[in-house]
Amino acid sequence: MEQENDRELDHLADRVALLKNVTHGINKEVNDQHKLLENMDGSFASVGGLMSAVTDKFRAVYNDKANKRLIYGAVAVAAGLFLVWYFMLR
């Protein structure tokens, strides 16, 4: 009976060690993911700042009447090229 208890204790100790290794692996993965998310947050903040600057510059260009005509012309040319491309594929 004592030998059986010793075997069960050894088996239990092995399972505890396995569980400990799994939890350490999970902890490492969580920490790595946390670092990745922190880096992405910084990247998104910098991209957000750049997009804000581009939007402000575009708004300044768009508010000028001469530039509005140029923008409308560029959009019309792009739409025309798209339509030509689309109909050539059919």
PDB file of N, CA and C in Angstrom:
ATOM      1  N   MET A   1       0.820  -1.189   0.000  1.00  0.00           N
ATOM      2  CA  MET A   1       0.000   0.000   0.000  1.00  0.00           C
ATOM      3  C   MET A   1       0.872   1.264   0.000  1.00  0.00           C
ATOM      4  N   GLU A   2       1.944   1.251   0.772  1.00  0.00           N
ATOM      5  CA  GLU A   2       2.837   2.407   0.837  1.00  0.00           C
ATOM      6  C   GLU A   2       3.540   2.622  -0.501  1.00  0.00           C
ATOM      7  N   GLN A   3       3.884   1.518  -1.166  1.00  0.00           N
ATOM      8  CA  GLN A   3       4.519   1.635  -2.480  1.00  0.00           C
ATOM      9  C   GLN A   3       3.539   2.242  -3.495  1.00  0.00           C
ATOM     10  N   GLU A   4       2.290   1.843  -3.400  1.00  0.00           N
ATOM     11  CA  GLU A   4       1.272   2.405  -4.292  1.00  0.00           C
ATOM     12  C   GLU A   4       1.101   3.891  -4.034  1.00  0.00           C
ATOM     13  N   ASN A   5       1.113   4.300  -2.772  1.00  0.00           N
ATOM     14  CA  ASN A   5       1.024   5.723  -2.435  1.00  0.00           C
ATOM     15  C   ASN A   5       2.238   6.474  -2.974  1.00  0.00           C
ATOM     16  N   ASP A   6       3.427   5.873  -2.864  1.00  0.00           N
ATOM     17  CA  ASP A   6       4.632   6.513  -3.396  1.00  0.00           C
ATOM     18  C   ASP A   6       4.540   6.681  -4.919  1.00  0.00           C
ATOM     19  N   ARG A   7       4.034   5.642  -5.596  1.00  0.00           N
ATOM     20  CA  ARG A   7       3.865   5.743  -7.055  1.00  0.00           C
ATOM     21  C   ARG A   7       2.864   6.838  -7.410  1.00  0.00           C
ATOM     22  N   GLU A   8       1.780   6.888  -6.670  1.00  0.00           N
ATOM     23  CA  GLU A   8       0.771   7.929  -6.920  1.00  0.00           C
ATOM     24  C   GLU A   8       1.329   9.317  -6.638  1.00  0.00           C
ATOM     25  N   LEU A   9       2.141   9.433  -5.569  1.00  0.00           N
ATOM     26  CA  LEU A   9       2.769  10.731  -5.270  1.00  0.00           C
ATOM     27  C   LEU A   9       3.747  11.123  -6.363  1.00  0.00           C
ATOM     28  N   ASP A  10       4.526  10.164  -6.863  1.00  0.00           N
ATOM     29  CA  ASP A  10       5.444  10.455  -7.967  1.00  0.00           C
ATOM     30  C   ASP A  10       4.676  10.876  -9.215  1.00  0.00           C
ATOM     31  N   HIS A  11       3.583  10.167  -9.477  1.00  0.00           N
ATOM     32  CA  HIS A  11       2.743  10.517 -10.624  1.00  0.00           C
ATOM     33  C   HIS A  11       2.156  11.920 -10.450  1.00  0.00           C
ATOM     34  N   LEU A  12       1.700  12.211  -9.246  1.00  0.00           N
ATOM     35  CA  LEU A  12       1.150  13.529  -8.955  1.00  0.00           C
ATOM     36  C   LEU A  12       2.222  14.612  -9.083  1.00  0.00           C
ATOM     37  N   ALA A  13       3.424  14.309  -8.619  1.00  0.00           N
ATOM     38  CA  ALA A  13       4.531  15.270  -8.729  1.00  0.00           C
ATOM     39  C   ALA A  13       4.869  15.525 -10.192  1.00  0.00           C
ATOM     40  N   ASP A  14       4.845  14.488 -11.011  1.00  0.00           N
ATOM     41  CA  ASP A  14       5.095  14.664 -12.447  1.00  0.00           C
ATOM     42  C   ASP A  14       4.028  15.541 -13.092  1.00  0.00           C
ATOM     43  N   ARG A  15       2.790  15.305 -12.717  1.00  0.00           N
ATOM     44  CA  ARG A  15       1.696  16.109 -13.282  1.00  0.00           C
ATOM     45  C   ARG A  15       1.777  17.556 -12.823  1.00  0.00           C
ATOM     46  N   VAL A  16       2.182  17.771 -11.568  1.00  0.00           N
ATOM     47  CA  VAL A  16       2.344  19.141 -11.058  1.00  0.00           C
ATOM     48  C   VAL A  16       3.474  19.838 -11.800  1.00  0.00           C
ATOM     49  N   ALA A  17       4.579  19.109 -12.036  1.00  0.00           N
ATOM     50  CA  ALA A  17       5.698  19.690 -12.782  1.00  0.00           C
ATOM     51  C   ALA A  17       5.265  20.034 -14.203  1.00  0.00           C
ATOM     52  N   LEU A  18       4.490  19.157 -14.824  1.00  0.00           N
ATOM     53  CA  LEU A  18       3.989  19.421 -16.175  1.00  0.00           C
ATOM     54  C   LEU A  18       3.079  20.646 -16.179  1.00  0.00           C
ATOM     55  N   LEU A  19       2.207  20.720 -15.201  1.00  0.00           N
ATOM     56  CA  LEU A  19       1.308  21.871 -15.095  1.00  0.00           C
ATOM     57  C   LEU A  19       2.097  23.156 -14.864  1.00  0.00           C
ATOM     58  N   LYS A  20       3.154  23.067 -14.061  1.00  0.00           N
ATOM     59  CA  LYS A  20       3.999  24.238 -13.810  1.00  0.00           C
ATOM     60  C   LYS A  20       4.671  24.697 -15.105  1.00  0.00           C
ATOM     61  N   ASN A  21       5.172  23.759 -15.902  1.00  0.00           N
ATOM     62  CA  ASN A  21       5.803  24.113 -17.175  1.00  0.00           C
ATOM     63  C   ASN A  21       4.794  24.748 -18.129  1.00  0.00           C
ATOM     64  N   VAL A  22       3.586  24.218 -18.150  1.00  0.00           N
ATOM     65  CA  VAL A  22       2.546  24.781 -19.020  1.00  0.00           C
ATOM     66  C   VAL A  22       2.205  26.198 -18.590  1.00  0.00           C
ATOM     67  N   THR A  23       2.067  26.428 -17.293  1.00  0.00           N
ATOM     68  CA  THR A  23       1.718  27.772 -16.826  1.00  0.00           C
ATOM     69  C   THR A  23       2.856  28.755 -17.080  1.00  0.00           C
ATOM     70  N   HIS A  24       4.115  28.289 -16.989  1.00  0.00           N
ATOM     71  CA  HIS A  24       5.239  29.180 -17.324  1.00  0.00           C
ATOM     72  C   HIS A  24       5.207  29.532 -18.814  1.00  0.00           C
ATOM     73  N   GLY A  25       4.874  28.550 -19.650  1.00  0.00           N
ATOM     74  CA  GLY A  25       4.767  28.813 -21.085  1.00  0.00           C
ATOM     75  C   GLY A  25       3.655  29.805 -21.386  1.00  0.00           C
ATOM     76  N   ILE A  26       2.536  29.640 -20.719  1.00  0.00           N
ATOM     77  CA  ILE A  26       1.413  30.576 -20.909  1.00  0.00           C
ATOM     78  C   ILE A  26       1.811  31.974 -20.449  1.00  0.00           C
ATOM     79  N   ASN A  27       2.488  32.060 -19.314  1.00  0.00           N
ATOM     80  CA  ASN A  27       2.928  33.357 -18.802  1.00  0.00           C
ATOM     81  C   ASN A  27       3.881  34.037 -19.779  1.00  0.00           C
ATOM     82  N   LYS A  28       4.825  33.268 -20.343  1.00  0.00           N
ATOM     83  CA  LYS A  28       5.766  33.838 -21.312  1.00  0.00           C
ATOM     84  C   LYS A  28       5.018  34.335 -22.545  1.00  0.00           C
ATOM     85  N   GLU A  29       4.071  33.553 -23.031  1.00  0.00           N
ATOM     86  CA  GLU A  29       3.305  33.951 -24.212  1.00  0.00           C
ATOM     87  C   GLU A  29       2.487  35.210 -23.940  1.00  0.00           C
ATOM     88  N   VAL A  30       1.871  35.291 -22.772  1.00  0.00           N
ATOM     89  CA  VAL A  30       1.089  36.476 -22.416  1.00  0.00           C
ATOM     90  C   VAL A  30       1.987  37.706 -22.348  1.00  0.00           C
ATOM     91  N   ASN A  31       3.167  37.564 -21.753  1.00  0.00           N
ATOM     92  CA  ASN A  31       4.090  38.701 -21.677  1.00  0.00           C
ATOM     93  C   ASN A  31       4.553  39.135 -23.061  1.00  0.00           C
ATOM     94  N   ASP A  32       4.846  38.158 -23.936  1.00  0.00           N
ATOM     95  CA  ASP A  32       5.249  38.500 -25.302  1.00  0.00           C
ATOM     96  C   ASP A  32       4.131  39.221 -26.043  1.00  0.00           C
ATOM     97  N   GLN A  33       2.900  38.739 -25.892  1.00  0.00           N
ATOM     98  CA  GLN A  33       1.771  39.383 -26.548  1.00  0.00           C
ATOM     99  C   GLN A  33       1.541  40.796 -26.004  1.00  0.00           C
ATOM    100  N   HIS A  34       1.743  40.956 -24.708  1.00  0.00           N
ATOM    101  CA  HIS A  34       1.580  42.274 -24.088  1.00  0.00           C
ATOM    102  C   HIS A  34       2.602  43.261 -24.655  1.00  0.00           C
ATOM    103  N   LYS A  35       3.854  42.813 -24.795  1.00  0.00           N
ATOM    104  CA  LYS A  35       4.888  43.677 -25.383  1.00  0.00           C
ATOM    105  C   LYS A  35       4.543  44.029 -26.820  1.00  0.00           C
ATOM    106  N   LEU A  36       4.052  43.044 -27.576  1.00  0.00           N
ATOM    107  CA  LEU A  36       3.667  43.294 -28.960  1.00  0.00           C
ATOM    108  C   LEU A  36       2.545  44.326 -29.041  1.00  0.00           C
ATOM    109  N   LEU A  37       1.551  44.191 -28.174  1.00  0.00           N
ATOM    110  CA  LEU A  37       0.447  45.151 -28.172  1.00  0.00           C
ATOM    111  C   LEU A  37       0.912  46.548 -27.782  1.00  0.00           C
ATOM    112  N   GLU A  38       1.849  46.644 -26.837  1.00  0.00           N
ATOM    113  CA  GLU A  38       2.376  47.960 -26.465  1.00  0.00           C
ATOM    114  C   GLU A  38       3.102  48.595 -27.640  1.00  0.00           C
ATOM    115  N   ASN A  39       3.886  47.808 -28.377  1.00  0.00           N
ATOM    116  CA  ASN A  39       4.585  48.334 -29.549  1.00  0.00           C
ATOM    117  C   ASN A  39       3.596  48.763 -30.623  1.00  0.00           C
ATOM    118  N   MET A  40       2.548  47.973 -30.818  1.00  0.00           N
ATOM    119  CA  MET A  40       1.544  48.331 -31.818  1.00  0.00           C
ATOM    120  C   MET A  40       0.807  49.600 -31.419  1.00  0.00           C
ATOM    121  N   ASP A  41       0.563  49.777 -30.135  1.00  0.00           N
ATOM    122  CA  ASP A  41      -0.126  50.977 -29.665  1.00  0.00           C
ATOM    123  C   ASP A  41       0.696  52.218 -30.008  1.00  0.00           C
ATOM    124  N   GLY A  42       2.000  52.141 -29.776  1.00  0.00           N
ATOM    125  CA  GLY A  42       2.870  53.268 -30.122  1.00  0.00           C
ATOM    126  C   GLY A  42       2.884  53.526 -31.614  1.00  0.00           C
ATOM    127  N   SER A  43       2.889  52.456 -32.400  1.00  0.00           N
ATOM    128  CA  SER A  43       2.892  52.604 -33.857  1.00  0.00           C
ATOM    129  C   SER A  43       1.593  53.232 -34.346  1.00  0.00           C
ATOM    130  N   PHE A  44       0.475  52.769 -33.792  1.00  0.00           N
ATOM    131  CA  PHE A  44      -0.814  53.329 -34.201  1.00  0.00           C
ATOM    132  C   PHE A  44      -0.934  54.790 -33.791  1.00  0.00           C
ATOM    133  N   ALA A  45      -0.394  55.139 -32.646  1.00  0.00           N
ATOM    134  CA  ALA A  45      -0.447  56.541 -32.216  1.00  0.00           C
ATOM    135  C   ALA A  45       0.351  57.410 -33.179  1.00  0.00           C
ATOM    136  N   SER A  46       1.512  56.920 -33.618  1.00  0.00           N
ATOM    137  CA  SER A  46       2.314  57.717 -34.537  1.00  0.00           C
ATOM    138  C   SER A  46       1.642  57.819 -35.900  1.00  0.00           C
ATOM    139  N   VAL A  47       1.013  56.738 -36.355  1.00  0.00           N
ATOM    140  CA  VAL A  47       0.292  56.772 -37.628  1.00  0.00           C
ATOM    141  C   VAL A  47      -0.905  57.708 -37.520  1.00  0.00           C
ATOM    142  N   GLY A  48      -1.572  57.683 -36.369  1.00  0.00           N
ATOM    143  CA  GLY A  48      -2.698  58.590 -36.167  1.00  0.00           C
ATOM    144  C   GLY A  48      -2.274  60.044 -36.260  1.00  0.00           C
ATOM    145  N   GLY A  49      -1.117  60.363 -35.688  1.00  0.00           N
ATOM    146  CA  GLY A  49      -0.598  61.727 -35.781  1.00  0.00           C
ATOM    147  C   GLY A  49      -0.281  62.111 -37.214  1.00  0.00           C
ATOM    148  N   LEU A  50       0.314  61.183 -37.962  1.00  0.00           N
ATOM    149  CA  LEU A  50       0.629  61.457 -39.366  1.00  0.00           C
ATOM    150  C   LEU A  50      -0.647  61.642 -40.189  1.00  0.00           C
ATOM    151  N   MET A  51      -1.641  60.801 -39.937  1.00  0.00           N
ATOM    152  CA  MET A  51      -2.898  60.927 -40.678  1.00  0.00           C
ATOM    153  C   MET A  51      -3.593  62.251 -40.359  1.00  0.00           C
ATOM    154  N   SER A  52      -3.510  62.673 -39.129  1.00  0.00           N
ATOM    155  CA  SER A  52      -4.097  63.957 -38.750  1.00  0.00           C
ATOM    156  C   SER A  52      -3.407  65.096 -39.488  1.00  0.00           C
ATOM    157  N   ALA A  53      -2.076  65.029 -39.577  1.00  0.00           N
ATOM    158  CA  ALA A  53      -1.334  66.072 -40.287  1.00  0.00           C
ATOM    159  C   ALA A  53      -1.684  66.077 -41.768  1.00  0.00           C
ATOM    160  N   VAL A  54      -1.792  64.888 -42.367  1.00  0.00           N
ATOM    161  CA  VAL A  54      -2.142  64.802 -43.788  1.00  0.00           C
ATOM    162  C   VAL A  54      -3.550  65.333 -44.018  1.00  0.00           C
ATOM    163  N   THR A  55      -4.468  64.990 -43.130  1.00  0.00           N
ATOM    164  CA  THR A  55      -5.846  65.477 -43.253  1.00  0.00           C
ATOM    165  C   THR A  55      -5.900  66.994 -43.164  1.00  0.00           C
ATOM    166  N   ASP A  56      -5.151  67.565 -42.240  1.00  0.00           N
ATOM    167  CA  ASP A  56      -5.123  69.025 -42.110  1.00  0.00           C
ATOM    168  C   ASP A  56      -4.561  69.677 -43.364  1.00  0.00           C
ATOM    169  N   LYS A  57      -3.498  69.104 -43.925  1.00  0.00           N
ATOM    170  CA  LYS A  57      -2.911  69.673 -45.142  1.00  0.00           C
ATOM    171  C   LYS A  57      -3.863  69.534 -46.320  1.00  0.00           C
ATOM    172  N   PHE A  58      -4.525  68.374 -46.416  1.00  0.00           N
ATOM    173  CA  PHE A  58      -5.479  68.176 -47.505  1.00  0.00           C
ATOM    174  C   PHE A  58      -6.642  69.145 -47.381  1.00  0.00           C
ATOM    175  N   ARG A  59      -7.097  69.368 -46.162  1.00  0.00           N
ATOM    176  CA  ARG A  59      -8.200  70.310 -45.943  1.00  0.00           C
ATOM    177  C   ARG A  59      -7.784  71.727 -46.379  1.00  0.00           C
ATOM    178  N   ALA A  60      -6.546  72.099 -46.077  1.00  0.00           N
ATOM    179  CA  ALA A  60      -6.065  73.434 -46.474  1.00  0.00           C
ATOM    180  C   ALA A  60      -6.002  73.542 -47.991  1.00  0.00           C
ATOM    181  N   VAL A  61      -5.544  72.487 -48.664  1.00  0.00           N
ATOM    182  CA  VAL A  61      -5.468  72.504 -50.125  1.00  0.00           C
ATOM    183  C   VAL A  61      -6.874  72.498 -50.726  1.00  0.00           C
ATOM    184  N   TYR A  62      -7.767  71.713 -50.153  1.00  0.00           N
ATOM    185  CA  TYR A  62      -9.114  71.584 -50.692  1.00  0.00           C
ATOM    186  C   TYR A  62      -9.907  72.875 -50.537  1.00  0.00           C
ATOM    187  N   ASN A  63      -9.656  73.626 -49.503  1.00  0.00           N
ATOM    188  CA  ASN A  63     -10.409  74.860 -49.277  1.00  0.00           C
ATOM    189  C   ASN A  63     -10.071  75.949 -50.290  1.00  0.00           C
ATOM    190  N   ASP A  64      -8.959  75.849 -50.980  1.00  0.00           N
ATOM    191  CA  ASP A  64      -8.608  76.811 -52.026  1.00  0.00           C
ATOM    192  C   ASP A  64      -9.435  76.467 -53.279  1.00  0.00           C
ATOM    193  N   LYS A  65     -10.110  77.481 -53.861  1.00  0.00           N
ATOM    194  CA  LYS A  65     -11.039  77.243 -54.968  1.00  0.00           C
ATOM    195  C   LYS A  65     -10.335  76.680 -56.206  1.00  0.00           C
ATOM    196  N   ALA A  66      -9.154  77.166 -56.525  1.00  0.00           N
ATOM    197  CA  ALA A  66      -8.430  76.681 -57.701  1.00  0.00           C
ATOM    198  C   ALA A  66      -8.031  75.215 -57.504  1.00  0.00           C
ATOM    199  N   ASN A  67      -7.671  74.877 -56.292  1.00  0.00           N
ATOM    200  CA  ASN A  67      -7.279  73.494 -56.015  1.00  0.00           C
ATOM    201  C   ASN A  67      -8.476  72.547 -56.056  1.00  0.00           C
ATOM    202  N   LYS A  68      -9.666  73.053 -55.732  1.00  0.00           N
ATOM    203  CA  LYS A  68     -10.866  72.212 -55.809  1.00  0.00           C
ATOM    204  C   LYS A  68     -11.076  71.735 -57.240  1.00  0.00           C
ATOM    205  N   ARG A  69     -10.918  72.639 -58.199  1.00  0.00           N
ATOM    206  CA  ARG A  69     -11.088  72.252 -59.594  1.00  0.00           C
ATOM    207  C   ARG A  69     -10.048  71.223 -60.003  1.00  0.00           C
ATOM    208  N   LEU A  70      -8.837  71.399 -59.532  1.00  0.00           N
ATOM    209  CA  LEU A  70      -7.766  70.451 -59.838  1.00  0.00           C
ATOM    210  C   LEU A  70      -8.076  69.077 -59.235  1.00  0.00           C
ATOM    211  N   ILE A  71      -8.573  69.068 -58.021  1.00  0.00           N
ATOM    212  CA  ILE A  71      -8.911  67.802 -57.369  1.00  0.00           C
ATOM    213  C   ILE A  71     -10.062  67.118 -58.101  1.00  0.00           C
ATOM    214  N   TYR A  72     -11.105  67.875 -58.439  1.00  0.00           N
ATOM    215  CA  TYR A  72     -12.228  67.306 -59.174  1.00  0.00           C
ATOM    216  C   TYR A  72     -11.766  66.754 -60.521  1.00  0.00           C
ATOM    217  N   GLY A  73     -10.873  67.475 -61.170  1.00  0.00           N
ATOM    218  CA  GLY A  73     -10.340  67.009 -62.457  1.00  0.00           C
ATOM    219  C   GLY A  73      -9.560  65.715 -62.299  1.00  0.00           C
ATOM    220  N   ALA A  74      -8.726  65.625 -61.254  1.00  0.00           N
ATOM    221  CA  ALA A  74      -7.943  64.408 -61.020  1.00  0.00           C
ATOM    222  C   ALA A  74      -8.857  63.224 -60.706  1.00  0.00           C
ATOM    223  N   VAL A  75      -9.896  63.460 -59.931  1.00  0.00           N
ATOM    224  CA  VAL A  75     -10.851  62.389 -59.615  1.00  0.00           C
ATOM    225  C   VAL A  75     -11.589  61.962 -60.885  1.00  0.00           C
ATOM    226  N   ALA A  76     -11.961  62.913 -61.710  1.00  0.00           N
ATOM    227  CA  ALA A  76     -12.666  62.579 -62.957  1.00  0.00           C
ATOM    228  C   ALA A  76     -11.754  61.768 -63.886  1.00  0.00           C
ATOM    229  N   VAL A  77     -10.503  62.151 -64.009  1.00  0.00           N
ATOM    230  CA  VAL A  77      -9.564  61.403 -64.848  1.00  0.00           C
ATOM    231  C   VAL A  77      -9.380  59.991 -64.298  1.00  0.00           C
ATOM    232  N   ALA A  78      -9.220  59.866 -62.990  1.00  0.00           N
ATOM    233  CA  ALA A  78      -9.054  58.543 -62.377  1.00  0.00           C
ATOM    234  C   ALA A  78     -10.293  57.683 -62.612  1.00  0.00           C
ATOM    235  N   ALA A  79     -11.479  58.272 -62.461  1.00  0.00           N
ATOM    236  CA  ALA A  79     -12.720  57.530 -62.696  1.00  0.00           C
ATOM    237  C   ALA A  79     -12.823  57.118 -64.159  1.00  0.00           C
ATOM    238  N   GLY A  80     -12.445  58.024 -65.068  1.00  0.00           N
ATOM    239  CA  GLY A  80     -12.479  57.703 -66.493  1.00  0.00           C
ATOM    240  C   GLY A  80     -11.531  56.565 -66.832  1.00  0.00           C
ATOM    241  N   LEU A  81     -10.316  56.587 -66.292  1.00  0.00           N
ATOM    242  CA  LEU A  81      -9.364  55.504 -66.528  1.00  0.00           C
ATOM    243  C   LEU A  81      -9.872  54.191 -65.953  1.00  0.00           C
ATOM    244  N   PHE A  82     -10.502  54.266 -64.807  1.00  0.00           N
ATOM    245  CA  PHE A  82     -11.065  53.061 -64.214  1.00  0.00           C
ATOM    246  C   PHE A  82     -12.148  52.476 -65.102  1.00  0.00           C
ATOM    247  N   LEU A  83     -13.025  53.331 -65.618  1.00  0.00           N
ATOM    248  CA  LEU A  83     -14.097  52.853 -66.491  1.00  0.00           C
ATOM    249  C   LEU A  83     -13.543  52.245 -67.776  1.00  0.00           C
ATOM    250  N   VAL A  84     -12.531  52.866 -68.354  1.00  0.00           N
ATOM    251  CA  VAL A  84     -11.904  52.315 -69.560  1.00  0.00           C
ATOM    252  C   VAL A  84     -11.305  50.946 -69.259  1.00  0.00           C
ATOM    253  N   TRP A  85     -10.609  50.846 -68.152  1.00  0.00           N
ATOM    254  CA  TRP A  85     -10.013  49.574 -67.741  1.00  0.00           C
ATOM    255  C   TRP A  85     -11.084  48.510 -67.511  1.00  0.00           C
ATOM    256  N   TYR A  86     -12.156  48.904 -66.859  1.00  0.00           N
ATOM    257  CA  TYR A  86     -13.246  47.981 -66.539  1.00  0.00           C
ATOM    258  C   TYR A  86     -13.895  47.453 -67.817  1.00  0.00           C
ATOM    259  N   PHE A  87     -14.169  48.337 -68.773  1.00  0.00           N
ATOM    260  CA  PHE A  87     -14.829  47.904 -69.995  1.00  0.00           C
ATOM    261  C   PHE A  87     -13.888  47.129 -70.905  1.00  0.00           C
ATOM    262  N   MET A  88     -12.599  47.356 -70.788  1.00  0.00           N
ATOM    263  CA  MET A  88     -11.641  46.582 -71.588  1.00  0.00           C
ATOM    264  C   MET A  88     -11.538  45.150 -71.062  1.00  0.00           C
ATOM    265  N   LEU A  89     -11.813  44.930 -69.800  1.00  0.00           N
ATOM    266  CA  LEU A  89     -11.756  43.582 -69.232  1.00  0.00           C
ATOM    267  C   LEU A  89     -12.961  42.742 -69.621  1.00  0.00           C
ATOM    268  N   ARG A  90     -14.053  43.385 -69.957  1.00  0.00           N
ATOM    269  CA  ARG A  90     -15.294  42.649 -70.288  1.00  0.00           C
ATOM    270  C   ARG A  90     -15.214  42.052 -71.616  1.00  0.00           C
TER     271      ARG A  90
END
